[in-house]
Amino acid sequence: MSASNPVVEIKYSASKQGYIGSGASGIVNRAANGDVVKSPWPGSRAAENRRDITTESLIYEKLGHHPRLIRMFDWDPEGCVLTMEYMANGTLKDFLTANNDAISTAQRLRWAKEAAEGLQLLHDAEIIHCDVEPKNFLLDADLSLKISDFSGSSLEGSRASACAGRRYSRPGFDFHRLQTVSDDLFGLGSTIYFIMTGHVPFEDMASDEVERSFRAEVYPDVSGIKCGGAIRLLWEDEVTSAQEVYDYFQHIESEE
């Protein structure tokens, strides 16, 4: 299986260094020492790209070290370059897609709990991720999950430059308004659905059909999923914090 870039959803080669991929704000390379380096795109949007990556650096600095975060090793404000920890097993999205049949229910429940823990860490620090999807959770060598990619996030009420895809966006989402905890929690619901099933919500539907279904409060059937009730509550905006979700999965784990 090809691993994935720990910053954006682009696959990289098996080489130890060189080009990894690119995202909306910048280009990502792997340095000779194995670290991941992210720098802004030049060109007409250079100022916006530098701003986004600067925001990402501020978020890493504010959050510090935590088991649910990849580590920022260095920040070069002049070049606007982030140096970060490499994640051996790439994105949750790619890893689960490639290994779905081999992943135990216990591992899935652990990832769901860790995703909620990472999101609560952000919310406690007045950070709205704004793009909560499996592509933005990473797995280290021990398959511990980390939340990542904050270049489009909202920090202390700043306007975000990113938003989640339609399968992860709350019904009636409007990019022109400030995003909230509720937006992230809806994305968490769809992410946990993906974790537990191995596929995206309404995988056979076009994106615009998914949006119409969500607006009509029609969601995928979760009756056969172990934590289906929690997913449904997240979709229905009945959960007020990621901490509630973490506590729920902590309780399930203690009973296993």
Protein backbone atom coordinates (compact mmCIF):
# COMPACT_ATOMS: atom_id res chain seq x y z
CA MET A 1 0.00 0.00 0.00
CA SER A 2 1.19 3.50 -0.75
CA ALA A 3 1.33 5.71 2.31
CA SER A 4 0.01 9.25 2.30
CA ASN A 5 1.39 12.65 2.95
CA PRO A 6 0.88 13.71 6.56
CA VAL A 7 -0.34 17.16 5.58
CA VAL A 8 -2.43 16.87 2.42
CA GLU A 9 -4.22 14.05 0.69
CA ILE A 10 -1.54 13.28 -1.89
CA LYS A 11 0.28 9.96 -2.11
CA TYR A 12 4.06 9.92 -2.08
CA SER A 13 6.58 7.46 -3.44
CA ALA A 14 8.56 5.05 -1.32
CA SER A 15 11.65 7.27 -1.49
CA LYS A 16 12.99 8.70 1.76
CA GLN A 17 13.05 12.29 0.53
CA GLY A 18 11.78 14.64 -2.15
CA TYR A 19 8.42 15.82 -3.37
CA ILE A 20 5.41 14.49 -1.46
CA GLY A 21 2.52 16.52 -2.80
CA SER A 22 0.61 19.77 -2.64
CA GLY A 23 -2.50 21.32 -1.18
CA ALA A 24 -4.42 24.54 -1.54
CA SER A 25 -1.91 26.59 0.45
CA GLY A 26 1.42 25.01 -0.26
CA ILE A 27 3.78 22.32 -1.41
CA VAL A 28 5.00 19.49 0.80
CA ASN A 29 8.36 17.74 0.66
CA ARG A 30 10.15 15.18 2.75
CA ALA A 31 13.59 16.29 3.87
CA ALA A 32 16.71 14.13 3.81
CA ASN A 33 16.36 13.51 7.55
CA GLY A 34 12.81 12.21 7.08
CA ASP A 35 10.93 15.24 8.40
CA VAL A 36 8.03 16.77 6.47
CA VAL A 37 8.42 20.33 5.18
CA LYS A 38 5.50 22.51 4.09
CA SER A 39 5.99 25.84 2.29
CA PRO A 40 3.53 28.24 0.62
CA TRP A 41 2.74 28.38 -3.07
CA PRO A 42 4.08 31.50 -4.80
CA GLY A 43 2.03 33.38 -7.38
CA SER A 44 -1.14 35.44 -7.25
CA ARG A 45 -2.33 33.91 -3.96
CA ALA A 46 1.07 33.98 -2.26
CA ALA A 47 -0.06 36.37 0.50
CA GLU A 48 -3.11 34.25 1.33
CA ASN A 49 -1.05 31.07 1.28
CA ARG A 50 1.55 32.55 3.61
CA ARG A 51 -1.24 33.68 5.93
CA ASP A 52 -2.77 30.20 6.00
CA ILE A 53 0.50 28.45 6.79
CA THR A 54 1.28 31.09 9.41
CA THR A 55 -2.08 30.31 11.00
CA GLU A 56 -1.14 26.64 11.01
CA SER A 57 2.13 27.42 12.79
CA LEU A 58 0.32 29.53 15.40
CA ILE A 59 -2.08 26.66 16.06
CA TYR A 60 0.74 24.19 16.57
CA GLU A 61 2.49 26.65 18.87
CA LYS A 62 -0.68 27.24 20.87
CA LEU A 63 -1.51 23.56 21.27
CA GLY A 64 1.99 22.33 22.15
CA HIS A 65 2.71 18.62 22.47
CA HIS A 66 -0.20 16.20 22.69
CA PRO A 67 -0.68 12.53 21.76
CA ARG A 68 -3.36 13.51 19.22
CA LEU A 69 -1.11 15.97 17.36
CA ILE A 70 1.76 15.56 14.97
CA ARG A 71 4.75 17.52 16.24
CA MET A 72 5.95 20.77 14.72
CA PHE A 73 9.74 20.71 14.87
CA ASP A 74 10.47 24.12 13.42
CA TRP A 75 8.84 27.27 12.07
CA ASP A 76 10.70 29.64 9.76
CA PRO A 77 8.66 32.88 9.70
CA GLU A 78 10.78 34.48 6.99
CA GLY A 79 10.34 31.65 4.50
CA CYS A 80 6.96 30.70 5.99
CA VAL A 81 8.08 27.08 6.22
CA LEU A 82 6.78 24.44 8.64
CA THR A 83 8.85 21.40 9.55
CA MET A 84 6.80 18.57 11.03
CA GLU A 85 6.83 14.97 12.14
CA TYR A 86 6.47 12.21 9.55
CA MET A 87 3.53 9.82 9.94
CA ALA A 88 4.48 6.29 8.89
CA ASN A 89 0.97 5.05 8.06
CA GLY A 90 -0.34 8.11 6.25
CA THR A 91 -3.92 9.31 6.34
CA LEU A 92 -6.75 7.49 8.04
CA LYS A 93 -8.63 7.66 4.75
CA ASP A 94 -6.02 5.83 2.70
CA PHE A 95 -5.00 3.36 5.39
CA LEU A 96 -8.55 2.28 6.16
CA THR A 97 -9.50 2.07 2.49
CA ALA A 98 -6.54 -0.22 1.79
CA ASN A 99 -6.91 -2.37 4.92
CA ASN A 100 -10.62 -2.27 5.73
CA ASP A 101 -11.18 -6.02 5.88
CA ALA A 102 -8.30 -6.53 8.32
CA ILE A 103 -9.21 -3.83 10.85
CA SER A 104 -10.87 -4.98 14.07
CA THR A 105 -13.89 -3.35 15.67
CA ALA A 106 -11.75 -2.54 18.71
CA GLN A 107 -9.29 -0.61 16.51
CA ARG A 108 -12.12 1.31 14.86
CA LEU A 109 -13.60 2.27 18.22
CA ARG A 110 -10.17 3.42 19.39
CA TRP A 111 -9.78 5.63 16.30
CA ALA A 112 -13.24 7.12 16.86
CA LYS A 113 -12.32 7.95 20.44
CA GLU A 114 -8.98 9.45 19.39
CA ALA A 115 -10.65 11.56 16.68
CA ALA A 116 -13.02 13.01 19.28
CA GLU A 117 -10.12 13.63 21.66
CA GLY A 118 -8.15 15.50 19.01
CA LEU A 119 -11.12 17.63 18.05
CA GLN A 120 -11.86 18.54 21.67
CA LEU A 121 -8.23 19.60 22.08
CA LEU A 122 -8.77 22.13 19.28
CA HIS A 123 -12.10 23.39 20.58
CA ASP A 124 -10.71 23.91 24.08
CA ALA A 125 -8.15 26.24 22.48
CA GLU A 126 -10.77 28.21 20.47
CA ILE A 127 -9.82 26.53 17.21
CA ILE A 128 -12.38 25.32 14.68
CA HIS A 129 -10.78 22.84 12.31
CA CYS A 130 -13.27 23.52 9.47
CA ASP A 131 -12.32 20.44 7.43
CA VAL A 132 -13.00 17.39 9.60
CA GLU A 133 -12.60 14.43 7.25
CA PRO A 134 -10.63 11.14 7.29
CA LYS A 135 -8.00 12.69 5.00
CA ASN A 136 -7.03 15.07 7.82
CA PHE A 137 -6.38 12.43 10.44
CA LEU A 138 -3.00 10.69 10.34
CA LEU A 139 -1.68 7.40 11.68
CA ASP A 140 1.75 6.91 13.19
CA ALA A 141 3.79 3.70 13.21
CA ASP A 142 1.70 2.35 16.11
CA LEU A 143 -1.60 3.29 14.38
CA SER A 144 -2.28 6.05 16.91
CA LEU A 145 -4.44 8.73 15.32
CA LYS A 146 -3.46 12.41 15.06
CA ILE A 147 -5.52 15.36 13.84
CA SER A 148 -3.77 17.53 11.25
CA ASP A 149 -3.80 20.22 8.55
CA PHE A 150 -4.76 23.49 10.20
CA SER A 151 -3.84 25.86 7.37
CA GLY A 152 -7.51 26.56 6.64
CA SER A 153 -8.70 26.54 10.25
CA SER A 154 -10.26 29.29 12.34
CA LEU A 155 -8.12 30.48 15.26
CA GLU A 156 -9.85 32.49 17.99
CA GLY A 157 -12.62 33.64 15.66
CA SER A 158 -10.54 34.28 12.54
CA ARG A 159 -12.17 33.58 9.20
CA ALA A 160 -11.41 30.11 7.88
CA SER A 161 -10.15 29.47 4.36
CA ALA A 162 -11.19 25.80 4.26
CA CYS A 163 -14.39 23.80 4.47
CA ALA A 164 -15.22 20.12 4.47
CA GLY A 165 -16.63 18.22 1.51
CA ARG A 166 -20.37 17.79 1.21
CA ARG A 167 -20.44 14.40 2.94
CA TYR A 168 -18.81 16.04 5.96
CA SER A 169 -20.60 19.43 5.90
CA ARG A 170 -23.59 20.34 8.03
CA PRO A 171 -26.88 20.86 6.12
CA GLY A 172 -27.21 24.45 4.94
CA PHE A 173 -23.49 25.11 5.26
CA ASP A 174 -22.55 28.63 4.17
CA PHE A 175 -18.87 29.36 3.58
CA HIS A 176 -19.48 33.08 4.11
CA ARG A 177 -20.41 32.68 7.77
CA LEU A 178 -18.01 31.87 10.58
CA GLN A 179 -17.78 28.15 11.15
CA THR A 180 -18.62 26.74 14.57
CA VAL A 181 -18.11 23.74 16.81
CA SER A 182 -21.31 22.30 15.33
CA ASP A 183 -19.74 22.24 11.86
CA ASP A 184 -16.78 20.25 13.16
CA LEU A 185 -19.05 17.88 15.08
CA PHE A 186 -21.08 17.07 11.98
CA GLY A 187 -17.84 16.24 10.18
CA LEU A 188 -16.87 14.07 13.14
CA GLY A 189 -20.11 12.13 12.73
CA SER A 190 -19.36 11.40 9.08
CA THR A 191 -15.74 10.58 9.93
CA ILE A 192 -16.80 8.05 12.57
CA TYR A 193 -19.25 6.58 10.07
CA PHE A 194 -16.33 6.11 7.68
CA ILE A 195 -14.19 4.59 10.44
CA MET A 196 -16.86 2.07 11.40
CA THR A 197 -18.00 1.09 7.89
CA GLY A 198 -14.97 1.66 5.67
CA HIS A 199 -16.88 3.84 3.22
CA VAL A 200 -18.16 7.41 3.03
CA PRO A 201 -21.78 8.33 3.79
CA PHE A 202 -24.01 7.66 0.77
CA GLU A 203 -21.03 6.38 -1.22
CA ASP A 204 -23.16 5.66 -4.31
CA MET A 205 -24.68 9.15 -4.46
CA ALA A 206 -23.37 12.21 -6.25
CA SER A 207 -22.30 15.03 -3.93
CA ASP A 208 -25.27 17.25 -4.78
CA GLU A 209 -27.65 14.38 -3.97
CA VAL A 210 -25.92 13.90 -0.62
CA GLU A 211 -26.38 17.59 0.15
CA ARG A 212 -30.10 17.39 -0.68
CA SER A 213 -30.50 14.32 1.53
CA PHE A 214 -28.77 16.00 4.46
CA ARG A 215 -30.93 19.10 4.03
CA ALA A 216 -33.99 16.84 4.22
CA GLU A 217 -32.50 15.25 7.37
CA VAL A 218 -32.15 11.92 5.59
CA TYR A 219 -28.99 10.14 6.70
CA PRO A 220 -27.43 6.73 6.04
CA ASP A 221 -28.78 3.79 8.01
CA VAL A 222 -26.68 3.31 11.14
CA SER A 223 -28.82 0.66 12.84
CA GLY A 224 -26.25 -2.08 12.27
CA ILE A 225 -23.27 -0.06 13.48
CA LYS A 226 -22.06 -0.53 17.06
CA CYS A 227 -21.95 3.23 17.74
CA GLY A 228 -24.67 4.14 15.24
CA GLY A 229 -26.67 6.10 17.80
CA ALA A 230 -23.74 8.42 18.48
CA ILE A 231 -23.20 9.01 14.77
CA ARG A 232 -26.86 9.87 14.32
CA LEU A 233 -26.81 12.33 17.23
CA LEU A 234 -23.78 14.08 15.72
CA TRP A 235 -25.55 14.40 12.37
CA GLU A 236 -28.71 15.69 14.05
CA ASP A 237 -26.81 18.39 15.99
CA GLU A 238 -27.77 16.81 19.31
CA VAL A 239 -24.19 16.72 20.63
CA THR A 240 -22.65 19.87 22.10
CA SER A 241 -19.00 18.86 22.39
CA ALA A 242 -16.44 16.37 21.16
CA GLN A 243 -15.79 15.60 24.82
CA GLU A 244 -19.21 13.93 25.01
CA VAL A 245 -18.21 11.72 22.10
CA TYR A 246 -14.85 10.90 23.68
CA ASP A 247 -16.55 9.96 26.96
CA TYR A 248 -19.02 7.75 25.09
CA PHE A 249 -16.26 5.79 23.37
CA GLN A 250 -14.22 5.64 26.56
CA HIS A 251 -17.20 3.97 28.22
CA ILE A 252 -17.61 1.50 25.35
CA GLU A 253 -13.91 0.67 25.48
CA SER A 254 -14.07 -0.01 29.22
CA GLU A 255 -16.84 -2.54 28.63
CA GLU A 256 -15.04 -4.46 25.89
